[in-house]
């Protein structure tokens, strides 16, 4: 009688061994093909190259658009800051005018 153990092949989830050197890819269950394993048609290759070329050509436009958006946001932020400073200046001026008016009124009442 043969005392040799027959081992069932491992699967991806449960390999025969945890040591990657001892993995035998022939004994594992077949994996679903990845897009890289599928045969590539020349028209697909050409289309992907054209898409990649188009994306590369549009990159400077996208970068310029992003920079322009950033500059617009900075300008708007600076405008708001200047507006706030002007409002504070006007408020201080109004407070000083109010104090002068109170003093003038107090002086008029005292006489």
PDB file of N, CA and C in Angstrom:
ATOM      1  N   UNK A   1       0.832  -1.173   0.000  1.00  0.00           N
ATOM      2  CA  UNK A   1       0.000   0.000   0.000  1.00  0.00           C
ATOM      3  C   UNK A   1       0.885   1.248   0.000  1.00  0.00           C
ATOM      4  N   UNK A   2       0.443   2.226  -0.746  1.00  0.00           N
ATOM      5  CA  UNK A   2       1.227   3.445  -0.882  1.00  0.00           C
ATOM      6  C   UNK A   2       0.948   4.356   0.318  1.00  0.00           C
ATOM      7  N   UNK A   3       2.000   4.721   1.039  1.00  0.00           N
ATOM      8  CA  UNK A   3       1.830   5.548   2.234  1.00  0.00           C
ATOM      9  C   UNK A   3       2.001   7.035   1.929  1.00  0.00           C
ATOM     10  N   UNK A   4       2.185   7.310   0.680  1.00  0.00           N
ATOM     11  CA  UNK A   4       2.338   8.712   0.291  1.00  0.00           C
ATOM     12  C   UNK A   4       1.036   9.462   0.460  1.00  0.00           C
ATOM     13  N   UNK A   5       1.115  10.608   1.059  1.00  0.00           N
ATOM     14  CA  UNK A   5      -0.078  11.430   1.256  1.00  0.00           C
ATOM     15  C   UNK A   5      -0.380  12.180  -0.023  1.00  0.00           C
ATOM     16  N   UNK A   6      -1.633  12.187  -0.421  1.00  0.00           N
ATOM     17  CA  UNK A   6      -2.014  13.025  -1.559  1.00  0.00           C
ATOM     18  C   UNK A   6      -2.589  14.299  -0.975  1.00  0.00           C
ATOM     19  N   UNK A   7      -2.071  15.390  -1.430  1.00  0.00           N
ATOM     20  CA  UNK A   7      -2.508  16.665  -0.897  1.00  0.00           C
ATOM     21  C   UNK A   7      -3.384  17.357  -1.929  1.00  0.00           C
ATOM     22  N   UNK A   8      -4.422  17.995  -1.419  1.00  0.00           N
ATOM     23  CA  UNK A   8      -5.276  18.748  -2.335  1.00  0.00           C
ATOM     24  C   UNK A   8      -4.607  20.090  -2.583  1.00  0.00           C
ATOM     25  N   UNK A   9      -4.765  20.608  -3.777  1.00  0.00           N
ATOM     26  CA  UNK A   9      -4.109  21.887  -4.051  1.00  0.00           C
ATOM     27  C   UNK A   9      -4.733  22.996  -3.218  1.00  0.00           C
ATOM     28  N   UNK A  10      -3.909  23.959  -2.876  1.00  0.00           N
ATOM     29  CA  UNK A  10      -4.394  25.080  -2.101  1.00  0.00           C
ATOM     30  C   UNK A  10      -5.178  26.052  -2.985  1.00  0.00           C
ATOM     31  N   UNK A  11      -5.839  26.951  -2.340  1.00  0.00           N
ATOM     32  CA  UNK A  11      -6.559  27.989  -3.068  1.00  0.00           C
ATOM     33  C   UNK A  11      -5.914  29.333  -2.735  1.00  0.00           C
ATOM     34  N   UNK A  12      -6.422  30.360  -3.333  1.00  0.00           N
ATOM     35  CA  UNK A  12      -5.861  31.679  -3.056  1.00  0.00           C
ATOM     36  C   UNK A  12      -6.109  32.049  -1.606  1.00  0.00           C
ATOM     37  N   UNK A  13      -7.310  31.752  -1.113  1.00  0.00           N
ATOM     38  CA  UNK A  13      -7.629  32.083   0.272  1.00  0.00           C
ATOM     39  C   UNK A  13      -6.909  31.184   1.269  1.00  0.00           C
ATOM     40  N   UNK A  14      -6.727  29.923   0.914  1.00  0.00           N
ATOM     41  CA  UNK A  14      -6.078  28.965   1.799  1.00  0.00           C
ATOM     42  C   UNK A  14      -4.948  28.249   1.043  1.00  0.00           C
ATOM     43  N   UNK A  15      -3.770  28.883   0.981  1.00  0.00           N
ATOM     44  CA  UNK A  15      -2.670  28.242   0.259  1.00  0.00           C
ATOM     45  C   UNK A  15      -2.160  27.031   1.033  1.00  0.00           C
ATOM     46  N   UNK A  16      -1.446  26.157   0.323  1.00  0.00           N
ATOM     47  CA  UNK A  16      -0.880  24.980   0.968  1.00  0.00           C
ATOM     48  C   UNK A  16       0.104  25.388   2.052  1.00  0.00           C
ATOM     49  N   UNK A  17       0.842  26.441   1.802  1.00  0.00           N
ATOM     50  CA  UNK A  17       1.831  26.908   2.763  1.00  0.00           C
ATOM     51  C   UNK A  17       1.774  28.423   2.822  1.00  0.00           C
ATOM     52  N   UNK A  18       2.255  28.973   3.889  1.00  0.00           N
ATOM     53  CA  UNK A  18       2.266  30.422   4.023  1.00  0.00           C
ATOM     54  C   UNK A  18       3.569  31.026   3.515  1.00  0.00           C
ATOM     55  N   UNK A  19       4.515  30.162   3.157  1.00  0.00           N
ATOM     56  CA  UNK A  19       5.800  30.640   2.648  1.00  0.00           C
ATOM     57  C   UNK A  19       5.663  30.913   1.155  1.00  0.00           C
ATOM     58  N   UNK A  20       5.854  32.150   0.707  1.00  0.00           N
ATOM     59  CA  UNK A  20       5.646  32.450  -0.710  1.00  0.00           C
ATOM     60  C   UNK A  20       6.598  31.708  -1.630  1.00  0.00           C
ATOM     61  N   UNK A  21       7.763  31.294  -1.111  1.00  0.00           N
ATOM     62  CA  UNK A  21       8.705  30.555  -1.973  1.00  0.00           C
ATOM     63  C   UNK A  21       8.172  29.166  -2.330  1.00  0.00           C
ATOM     64  N   UNK A  22       7.357  28.597  -1.446  1.00  0.00           N
ATOM     65  CA  UNK A  22       6.868  27.238  -1.659  1.00  0.00           C
ATOM     66  C   UNK A  22       5.525  27.191  -2.375  1.00  0.00           C
ATOM     67  N   UNK A  23       4.996  28.306  -2.751  1.00  0.00           N
ATOM     68  CA  UNK A  23       3.717  28.322  -3.468  1.00  0.00           C
ATOM     69  C   UNK A  23       3.930  27.778  -4.870  1.00  0.00           C
ATOM     70  N   UNK A  24       3.056  26.912  -5.263  1.00  0.00           N
ATOM     71  CA  UNK A  24       3.104  26.383  -6.623  1.00  0.00           C
ATOM     72  C   UNK A  24       1.905  26.951  -7.362  1.00  0.00           C
ATOM     73  N   UNK A  25       2.106  27.885  -8.290  1.00  0.00           N
ATOM     74  CA  UNK A  25       0.965  28.510  -8.948  1.00  0.00           C
ATOM     75  C   UNK A  25       0.125  27.540  -9.764  1.00  0.00           C
ATOM     76  N   UNK A  26       0.706  26.396 -10.164  1.00  0.00           N
ATOM     77  CA  UNK A  26      -0.067  25.429 -10.960  1.00  0.00           C
ATOM     78  C   UNK A  26      -1.107  24.708 -10.108  1.00  0.00           C
ATOM     79  N   UNK A  27      -0.848  24.605  -8.806  1.00  0.00           N
ATOM     80  CA  UNK A  27      -1.762  23.869  -7.939  1.00  0.00           C
ATOM     81  C   UNK A  27      -2.876  24.742  -7.376  1.00  0.00           C
ATOM     82  N   UNK A  28      -2.834  26.015  -7.605  1.00  0.00           N
ATOM     83  CA  UNK A  28      -3.856  26.879  -7.047  1.00  0.00           C
ATOM     84  C   UNK A  28      -5.016  27.022  -8.017  1.00  0.00           C
ATOM     85  N   UNK A  29      -6.144  27.396  -7.449  1.00  0.00           N
ATOM     86  CA  UNK A  29      -7.338  27.591  -8.264  1.00  0.00           C
ATOM     87  C   UNK A  29      -7.088  28.728  -9.245  1.00  0.00           C
ATOM     88  N   UNK A  30      -7.614  28.634 -10.448  1.00  0.00           N
ATOM     89  CA  UNK A  30      -7.362  29.696 -11.429  1.00  0.00           C
ATOM     90  C   UNK A  30      -8.025  31.000 -10.997  1.00  0.00           C
ATOM     91  N   UNK A  31      -7.317  32.073 -11.220  1.00  0.00           N
ATOM     92  CA  UNK A  31      -7.843  33.391 -10.877  1.00  0.00           C
ATOM     93  C   UNK A  31      -8.598  33.931 -12.075  1.00  0.00           C
ATOM     94  N   UNK A  32      -9.463  34.873 -11.803  1.00  0.00           N
ATOM     95  CA  UNK A  32     -10.145  35.507 -12.926  1.00  0.00           C
ATOM     96  C   UNK A  32      -9.122  36.367 -13.652  1.00  0.00           C
ATOM     97  N   UNK A  33      -9.197  36.452 -14.960  1.00  0.00           N
ATOM     98  CA  UNK A  33      -8.178  37.195 -15.703  1.00  0.00           C
ATOM     99  C   UNK A  33      -8.270  38.695 -15.407  1.00  0.00           C
ATOM    100  N   UNK A  34      -7.134  39.297 -15.269  1.00  0.00           N
ATOM    101  CA  UNK A  34      -7.074  40.739 -15.068  1.00  0.00           C
ATOM    102  C   UNK A  34      -7.075  41.400 -16.439  1.00  0.00           C
ATOM    103  N   UNK A  35      -7.358  42.684 -16.492  1.00  0.00           N
ATOM    104  CA  UNK A  35      -7.351  43.348 -17.793  1.00  0.00           C
ATOM    105  C   UNK A  35      -6.012  43.214 -18.510  1.00  0.00           C
ATOM    106  N   UNK A  36      -4.920  43.076 -17.770  1.00  0.00           N
ATOM    107  CA  UNK A  36      -3.610  42.903 -18.394  1.00  0.00           C
ATOM    108  C   UNK A  36      -3.449  41.529 -19.029  1.00  0.00           C
ATOM    109  N   UNK A  37      -4.211  40.514 -18.528  1.00  0.00           N
ATOM    110  CA  UNK A  37      -4.098  39.160 -19.066  1.00  0.00           C
ATOM    111  C   UNK A  37      -4.950  38.951 -20.311  1.00  0.00           C
ATOM    112  N   UNK A  38      -5.928  39.799 -20.514  1.00  0.00           N
ATOM    113  CA  UNK A  38      -6.811  39.632 -21.655  1.00  0.00           C
ATOM    114  C   UNK A  38      -6.090  40.019 -22.936  1.00  0.00           C
ATOM    115  N   UNK A  39      -6.425  39.389 -24.039  1.00  0.00           N
ATOM    116  CA  UNK A  39      -5.776  39.772 -25.292  1.00  0.00           C
ATOM    117  C   UNK A  39      -6.159  41.198 -25.664  1.00  0.00           C
ATOM    118  N   UNK A  40      -5.201  41.930 -26.151  1.00  0.00           N
ATOM    119  CA  UNK A  40      -5.413  43.324 -26.473  1.00  0.00           C
ATOM    120  C   UNK A  40      -5.582  43.475 -27.979  1.00  0.00           C
ATOM    121  N   UNK A  41      -6.662  44.125 -28.367  1.00  0.00           N
ATOM    122  CA  UNK A  41      -6.886  44.386 -29.784  1.00  0.00           C
ATOM    123  C   UNK A  41      -6.132  45.651 -30.159  1.00  0.00           C
ATOM    124  N   UNK A  42      -5.633  45.730 -31.371  1.00  0.00           N
ATOM    125  CA  UNK A  42      -4.896  46.928 -31.779  1.00  0.00           C
ATOM    126  C   UNK A  42      -5.733  48.203 -31.652  1.00  0.00           C
ATOM    127  N   UNK A  43      -7.041  48.106 -31.907  1.00  0.00           N
ATOM    128  CA  UNK A  43      -7.874  49.305 -31.814  1.00  0.00           C
ATOM    129  C   UNK A  43      -7.954  49.791 -30.368  1.00  0.00           C
ATOM    130  N   UNK A  44      -7.971  48.833 -29.379  1.00  0.00           N
ATOM    131  CA  UNK A  44      -7.980  49.225 -27.971  1.00  0.00           C
ATOM    132  C   UNK A  44      -6.689  49.948 -27.600  1.00  0.00           C
ATOM    133  N   UNK A  45      -5.577  49.429 -28.090  1.00  0.00           N
ATOM    134  CA  UNK A  45      -4.287  50.036 -27.802  1.00  0.00           C
ATOM    135  C   UNK A  45      -4.235  51.446 -28.362  1.00  0.00           C
ATOM    136  N   UNK A  46      -4.684  51.599 -29.596  1.00  0.00           N
ATOM    137  CA  UNK A  46      -4.673  52.907 -30.237  1.00  0.00           C
ATOM    138  C   UNK A  46      -5.571  53.882 -29.487  1.00  0.00           C
ATOM    139  N   UNK A  47      -6.749  53.412 -29.076  1.00  0.00           N
ATOM    140  CA  UNK A  47      -7.685  54.275 -28.350  1.00  0.00           C
ATOM    141  C   UNK A  47      -7.095  54.696 -27.012  1.00  0.00           C
ATOM    142  N   UNK A  48      -6.448  53.761 -26.295  1.00  0.00           N
ATOM    143  CA  UNK A  48      -5.875  54.116 -24.995  1.00  0.00           C
ATOM    144  C   UNK A  48      -4.710  55.085 -25.174  1.00  0.00           C
ATOM    145  N   UNK A  49      -3.926  54.903 -26.236  1.00  0.00           N
ATOM    146  CA  UNK A  49      -2.821  55.832 -26.490  1.00  0.00           C
ATOM    147  C   UNK A  49      -3.363  57.222 -26.816  1.00  0.00           C
ATOM    148  N   UNK A  50      -4.440  57.264 -27.608  1.00  0.00           N
ATOM    149  CA  UNK A  50      -5.024  58.551 -27.949  1.00  0.00           C
ATOM    150  C   UNK A  50      -5.591  59.230 -26.706  1.00  0.00           C
ATOM    151  N   UNK A  51      -6.257  58.438 -25.854  1.00  0.00           N
ATOM    152  CA  UNK A  51      -6.791  59.009 -24.609  1.00  0.00           C
ATOM    153  C   UNK A  51      -5.669  59.544 -23.737  1.00  0.00           C
ATOM    154  N   UNK A  52      -4.578  58.757 -23.642  1.00  0.00           N
ATOM    155  CA  UNK A  52      -3.456  59.171 -22.818  1.00  0.00           C
ATOM    156  C   UNK A  52      -2.829  60.442 -23.392  1.00  0.00           C
ATOM    157  N   UNK A  53      -2.695  60.488 -24.728  1.00  0.00           N
ATOM    158  CA  UNK A  53      -2.132  61.682 -25.361  1.00  0.00           C
ATOM    159  C   UNK A  53      -3.033  62.888 -25.120  1.00  0.00           C
ATOM    160  N   UNK A  54      -4.343  62.678 -25.235  1.00  0.00           N
ATOM    161  CA  UNK A  54      -5.285  63.773 -25.014  1.00  0.00           C
ATOM    162  C   UNK A  54      -5.203  64.263 -23.574  1.00  0.00           C
ATOM    163  N   UNK A  55      -5.115  63.313 -22.624  1.00  0.00           N
ATOM    164  CA  UNK A  55      -4.999  63.694 -21.214  1.00  0.00           C
ATOM    165  C   UNK A  55      -3.715  64.487 -20.982  1.00  0.00           C
ATOM    166  N   UNK A  56      -2.627  64.056 -21.609  1.00  0.00           N
ATOM    167  CA  UNK A  56      -1.358  64.752 -21.447  1.00  0.00           C
ATOM    168  C   UNK A  56      -1.437  66.163 -22.033  1.00  0.00           C
ATOM    169  N   UNK A  57      -2.139  66.311 -23.143  1.00  0.00           N
ATOM    170  CA  UNK A  57      -2.271  67.628 -23.761  1.00  0.00           C
ATOM    171  C   UNK A  57      -3.153  68.541 -22.931  1.00  0.00           C
ATOM    172  N   UNK A  58      -4.130  67.967 -22.241  1.00  0.00           N
ATOM    173  CA  UNK A  58      -5.054  68.776 -21.455  1.00  0.00           C
ATOM    174  C   UNK A  58      -4.520  69.104 -20.058  1.00  0.00           C
ATOM    175  N   UNK A  59      -3.437  68.447 -19.645  1.00  0.00           N
ATOM    176  CA  UNK A  59      -2.890  68.691 -18.310  1.00  0.00           C
ATOM    177  C   UNK A  59      -2.499  70.153 -18.086  1.00  0.00           C
ATOM    178  N   UNK A  60      -1.778  70.801 -19.008  1.00  0.00           N
ATOM    179  CA  UNK A  60      -1.447  72.215 -18.766  1.00  0.00           C
ATOM    180  C   UNK A  60      -2.688  73.089 -18.638  1.00  0.00           C
ATOM    181  N   UNK A  61      -3.724  72.773 -19.399  1.00  0.00           N
ATOM    182  CA  UNK A  61      -4.972  73.537 -19.292  1.00  0.00           C
ATOM    183  C   UNK A  61      -5.576  73.377 -17.905  1.00  0.00           C
ATOM    184  N   UNK A  62      -5.611  72.141 -17.424  1.00  0.00           N
ATOM    185  CA  UNK A  62      -6.181  71.877 -16.104  1.00  0.00           C
ATOM    186  C   UNK A  62      -5.355  72.576 -15.026  1.00  0.00           C
ATOM    187  N   UNK A  63      -4.036  72.537 -15.182  1.00  0.00           N
ATOM    188  CA  UNK A  63      -3.167  73.198 -14.211  1.00  0.00           C
ATOM    189  C   UNK A  63      -3.388  74.709 -14.230  1.00  0.00           C
ATOM    190  N   UNK A  64      -3.486  75.293 -15.428  1.00  0.00           N
ATOM    191  CA  UNK A  64      -3.727  76.736 -15.541  1.00  0.00           C
ATOM    192  C   UNK A  64      -5.076  77.104 -14.938  1.00  0.00           C
ATOM    193  N   UNK A  65      -6.086  76.249 -15.174  1.00  0.00           N
ATOM    194  CA  UNK A  65      -7.416  76.505 -14.620  1.00  0.00           C
ATOM    195  C   UNK A  65      -7.374  76.474 -13.093  1.00  0.00           C
ATOM    196  N   UNK A  66      -6.646  75.510 -12.538  1.00  0.00           N
ATOM    197  CA  UNK A  66      -6.535  75.402 -11.078  1.00  0.00           C
ATOM    198  C   UNK A  66      -5.808  76.613 -10.503  1.00  0.00           C
ATOM    199  N   UNK A  67      -4.743  77.048 -11.178  1.00  0.00           N
ATOM    200  CA  UNK A  67      -4.006  78.225 -10.699  1.00  0.00           C
ATOM    201  C   UNK A  67      -4.882  79.471 -10.761  1.00  0.00           C
ATOM    202  N   UNK A  68      -5.631  79.594 -11.855  1.00  0.00           N
ATOM    203  CA  UNK A  68      -6.501  80.758 -12.006  1.00  0.00           C
ATOM    204  C   UNK A  68      -7.562  80.772 -10.899  1.00  0.00           C
ATOM    205  N   UNK A  69      -8.129  79.615 -10.614  1.00  0.00           N
ATOM    206  CA  UNK A  69      -9.126  79.502  -9.543  1.00  0.00           C
ATOM    207  C   UNK A  69      -8.519  79.907  -8.201  1.00  0.00           C
ATOM    208  N   UNK A  70      -7.287  79.447  -7.955  1.00  0.00           N
ATOM    209  CA  UNK A  70      -6.611  79.787  -6.701  1.00  0.00           C
ATOM    210  C   UNK A  70      -6.370  81.298  -6.618  1.00  0.00           C
ATOM    211  N   UNK A  71      -5.933  81.896  -7.721  1.00  0.00           N
ATOM    212  CA  UNK A  71      -5.696  83.351  -7.727  1.00  0.00           C
ATOM    213  C   UNK A  71      -6.992  84.129  -7.503  1.00  0.00           C
ATOM    214  N   UNK A  72      -8.085  83.652  -8.106  1.00  0.00           N
ATOM    215  CA  UNK A  72      -9.374  84.318  -7.896  1.00  0.00           C
ATOM    216  C   UNK A  72      -9.797  84.248  -6.429  1.00  0.00           C
ATOM    217  N   UNK A  73      -9.584  83.084  -5.814  1.00  0.00           N
ATOM    218  CA  UNK A  73      -9.927  82.941  -4.399  1.00  0.00           C
ATOM    219  C   UNK A  73      -9.069  83.851  -3.526  1.00  0.00           C
ATOM    220  N   UNK A  74      -7.765  83.943  -3.853  1.00  0.00           N
ATOM    221  CA  UNK A  74      -6.886  84.829  -3.090  1.00  0.00           C
ATOM    222  C   UNK A  74      -7.320  86.285  -3.246  1.00  0.00           C
ATOM    223  N   UNK A  75      -7.670  86.682  -4.475  1.00  0.00           N
ATOM    224  CA  UNK A  75      -8.103  88.063  -4.717  1.00  0.00           C
ATOM    225  C   UNK A  75      -9.388  88.367  -3.950  1.00  0.00           C
ATOM    226  N   UNK A  76     -10.317  87.422  -3.959  1.00  0.00           N
ATOM    227  CA  UNK A  76     -11.582  87.614  -3.227  1.00  0.00           C
ATOM    228  C   UNK A  76     -11.313  87.722  -1.732  1.00  0.00           C
ATOM    229  N   UNK A  77     -10.409  86.898  -1.221  1.00  0.00           N
ATOM    230  CA  UNK A  77     -10.066  86.943   0.195  1.00  0.00           C
ATOM    231  C   UNK A  77      -9.422  88.291   0.546  1.00  0.00           C
ATOM    232  N   UNK A  78      -8.540  88.775  -0.322  1.00  0.00           N
ATOM    233  CA  UNK A  78      -7.895  90.066  -0.074  1.00  0.00           C
ATOM    234  C   UNK A  78      -8.921  91.198  -0.123  1.00  0.00           C
ATOM    235  N   UNK A  79      -9.868  91.105  -1.063  1.00  0.00           N
ATOM    236  CA  UNK A  79     -10.930  92.114  -1.143  1.00  0.00           C
ATOM    237  C   UNK A  79     -11.737  92.165   0.144  1.00  0.00           C
ATOM    238  N   UNK A  80     -12.085  90.972   0.662  1.00  0.00           N
ATOM    239  CA  UNK A  80     -12.853  90.914   1.915  1.00  0.00           C
ATOM    240  C   UNK A  80     -12.058  91.520   3.069  1.00  0.00           C
ATOM    241  N   UNK A  81     -10.751  91.228   3.116  1.00  0.00           N
ATOM    242  CA  UNK A  81      -9.905  91.754   4.189  1.00  0.00           C
ATOM    243  C   UNK A  81      -9.843  93.282   4.109  1.00  0.00           C
ATOM    244  N   UNK A  82      -9.666  93.824   2.895  1.00  0.00           N
ATOM    245  CA  UNK A  82      -9.620  95.276   2.732  1.00  0.00           C
ATOM    246  C   UNK A  82     -10.951  95.919   3.113  1.00  0.00           C
ATOM    247  N   UNK A  83     -12.032  95.261   2.738  1.00  0.00           N
ATOM    248  CA  UNK A  83     -13.361  95.771   3.076  1.00  0.00           C
ATOM    249  C   UNK A  83     -13.552  95.800   4.593  1.00  0.00           C
ATOM    250  N   UNK A  84     -13.091  94.753   5.269  1.00  0.00           N
ATOM    251  CA  UNK A  84     -13.191  94.688   6.728  1.00  0.00           C
ATOM    252  C   UNK A  84     -12.355  95.790   7.384  1.00  0.00           C
ATOM    253  N   UNK A  85     -11.131  96.009   6.868  1.00  0.00           N
ATOM    254  CA  UNK A  85     -10.292  97.073   7.418  1.00  0.00           C
ATOM    255  C   UNK A  85     -10.956  98.442   7.246  1.00  0.00           C
ATOM    256  N   UNK A  86     -11.529  98.681   6.072  1.00  0.00           N
ATOM    257  CA  UNK A  86     -12.204  99.960   5.829  1.00  0.00           C
ATOM    258  C   UNK A  86     -13.396 100.114   6.770  1.00  0.00           C
ATOM    259  N   UNK A  87     -14.145  99.048   6.988  1.00  0.00           N
ATOM    260  CA  UNK A  87     -15.310  99.108   7.883  1.00  0.00           C
ATOM    261  C   UNK A  87     -14.872  99.415   9.310  1.00  0.00           C
ATOM    262  N   UNK A  88     -13.776  98.821   9.759  1.00  0.00           N
ATOM    263  CA  UNK A  88     -13.275  99.090  11.110  1.00  0.00           C
ATOM    264  C   UNK A  88     -12.814 100.544  11.238  1.00  0.00           C
ATOM    265  N   UNK A  89     -12.128 101.038  10.190  1.00  0.00           N
ATOM    266  CA  UNK A  89     -11.692 102.438  10.204  1.00  0.00           C
ATOM    267  C   UNK A  89     -12.882 103.385  10.317  1.00  0.00           C
ATOM    268  N   UNK A  90     -13.915 103.100   9.519  1.00  0.00           N
ATOM    269  CA  UNK A  90     -15.119 103.934   9.553  1.00  0.00           C
ATOM    270  C   UNK A  90     -15.805 103.856  10.915  1.00  0.00           C
ATOM    271  N   UNK A  91     -15.803 102.669  11.509  1.00  0.00           N
ATOM    272  CA  UNK A  91     -16.428 102.506  12.826  1.00  0.00           C
ATOM    273  C   UNK A  91     -15.687 103.339  13.881  1.00  0.00           C
ATOM    274  N   UNK A  92     -14.341 103.294  13.857  1.00  0.00           N
ATOM    275  CA  UNK A  92     -13.568 104.098  14.810  1.00  0.00           C
ATOM    276  C   UNK A  92     -13.828 105.592  14.610  1.00  0.00           C
ATOM    277  N   UNK A  93     -13.889 106.002  13.346  1.00  0.00           N
ATOM    278  CA  UNK A  93     -14.171 107.411  13.052  1.00  0.00           C
ATOM    279  C   UNK A  93     -15.546 107.809  13.579  1.00  0.00           C
ATOM    280  N   UNK A  94     -16.537 106.935  13.397  1.00  0.00           N
ATOM    281  CA  UNK A  94     -17.893 107.221  13.879  1.00  0.00           C
ATOM    282  C   UNK A  94     -17.922 107.287  15.401  1.00  0.00           C
ATOM    283  N   UNK A  95     -17.162 106.394  16.064  1.00  0.00           N
ATOM    284  CA  UNK A  95     -17.117 106.417  17.527  1.00  0.00           C
ATOM    285  C   UNK A  95     -16.497 107.724  18.030  1.00  0.00           C
ATOM    286  N   UNK A  96     -15.418 108.169  17.359  1.00  0.00           N
ATOM    287  CA  UNK A  96     -14.793 109.437  17.771  1.00  0.00           C
ATOM    288  C   UNK A  96     -15.758 110.613  17.557  1.00  0.00           C
ATOM    289  N   UNK A  97     -16.483 110.589  16.438  1.00  0.00           N
ATOM    290  CA  UNK A  97     -17.459 111.662  16.170  1.00  0.00           C
ATOM    291  C   UNK A  97     -18.561 111.641  17.217  1.00  0.00           C
ATOM    292  N   UNK A  98     -18.982 110.460  17.630  1.00  0.00           N
ATOM    293  CA  UNK A  98     -20.013 110.340  18.656  1.00  0.00           C
ATOM    294  C   UNK A  98     -19.520 110.913  19.983  1.00  0.00           C
ATOM    295  N   UNK A  99     -18.266 110.592  20.343  1.00  0.00           N
ATOM    296  CA  UNK A  99     -17.715 111.139  21.597  1.00  0.00           C
ATOM    297  C   UNK A  99     -17.626 112.661  21.531  1.00  0.00           C
ATOM    298  N   UNK A 100     -17.213 113.222  20.386  1.00  0.00           N
ATOM    299  CA  UNK A 100     -17.152 114.688  20.242  1.00  0.00           C
ATOM    300  C   UNK A 100     -18.535 115.306  20.389  1.00  0.00           C
ATOM    301  N   UNK A 101     -19.535 114.649  19.810  1.00  0.00           N
ATOM    302  CA  UNK A 101     -20.910 115.170  19.912  1.00  0.00           C
ATOM    303  C   UNK A 101     -21.387 115.133  21.352  1.00  0.00           C
ATOM    304  N   UNK A 102     -21.074 114.067  22.105  1.00  0.00           N
ATOM    305  CA  UNK A 102     -21.468 113.979  23.521  1.00  0.00           C
ATOM    306  C   UNK A 102     -20.811 115.093  24.333  1.00  0.00           C
ATOM    307  N   UNK A 103     -19.514 115.278  24.081  1.00  0.00           N
ATOM    308  CA  UNK A 103     -18.807 116.328  24.808  1.00  0.00           C
ATOM    309  C   UNK A 103     -19.405 117.704  24.501  1.00  0.00           C
ATOM    310  N   UNK A 104     -19.689 117.923  23.209  1.00  0.00           N
ATOM    311  CA  UNK A 104     -20.273 119.216  22.822  1.00  0.00           C
ATOM    312  C   UNK A 104     -21.626 119.412  23.485  1.00  0.00           C
ATOM    313  N   UNK A 105     -22.428 118.324  23.547  1.00  0.00           N
ATOM    314  CA  UNK A 105     -23.726 118.409  24.189  1.00  0.00           C
ATOM    315  C   UNK A 105     -23.577 118.664  25.691  1.00  0.00           C
ATOM    316  N   UNK A 106     -22.636 117.970  26.311  1.00  0.00           N
ATOM    317  CA  UNK A 106     -22.400 118.165  27.751  1.00  0.00           C
ATOM    318  C   UNK A 106     -21.950 119.592  28.026  1.00  0.00           C
ATOM    319  N   UNK A 107     -21.100 120.121  27.168  1.00  0.00           N
ATOM    320  CA  UNK A 107     -20.614 121.500  27.352  1.00  0.00           C
ATOM    321  C   UNK A 107     -21.778 122.486  27.196  1.00  0.00           C
ATOM    322  N   UNK A 108     -22.677 122.208  26.228  1.00  0.00           N
ATOM    323  CA  UNK A 108     -23.809 123.103  25.991  1.00  0.00           C
ATOM    324  C   UNK A 108     -24.762 123.076  27.186  1.00  0.00           C
ATOM    325  N   UNK A 109     -24.959 121.893  27.782  1.00  0.00           N
ATOM    326  CA  UNK A 109     -25.863 121.765  28.939  1.00  0.00           C
ATOM    327  C   UNK A 109     -25.252 122.426  30.156  1.00  0.00           C
ATOM    328  N   UNK A 110     -23.934 122.356  30.320  1.00  0.00           N
ATOM    329  CA  UNK A 110     -23.253 122.905  31.479  1.00  0.00           C
ATOM    330  C   UNK A 110     -23.294 124.441  31.490  1.00  0.00           C
ATOM    331  N   UNK A 111     -23.408 125.064  30.341  1.00  0.00           N
ATOM    332  CA  UNK A 111     -23.371 126.523  30.298  1.00  0.00           C
ATOM    333  C   UNK A 111     -24.644 127.141  30.744  1.00  0.00           C
TER     334      UNK A 111
END
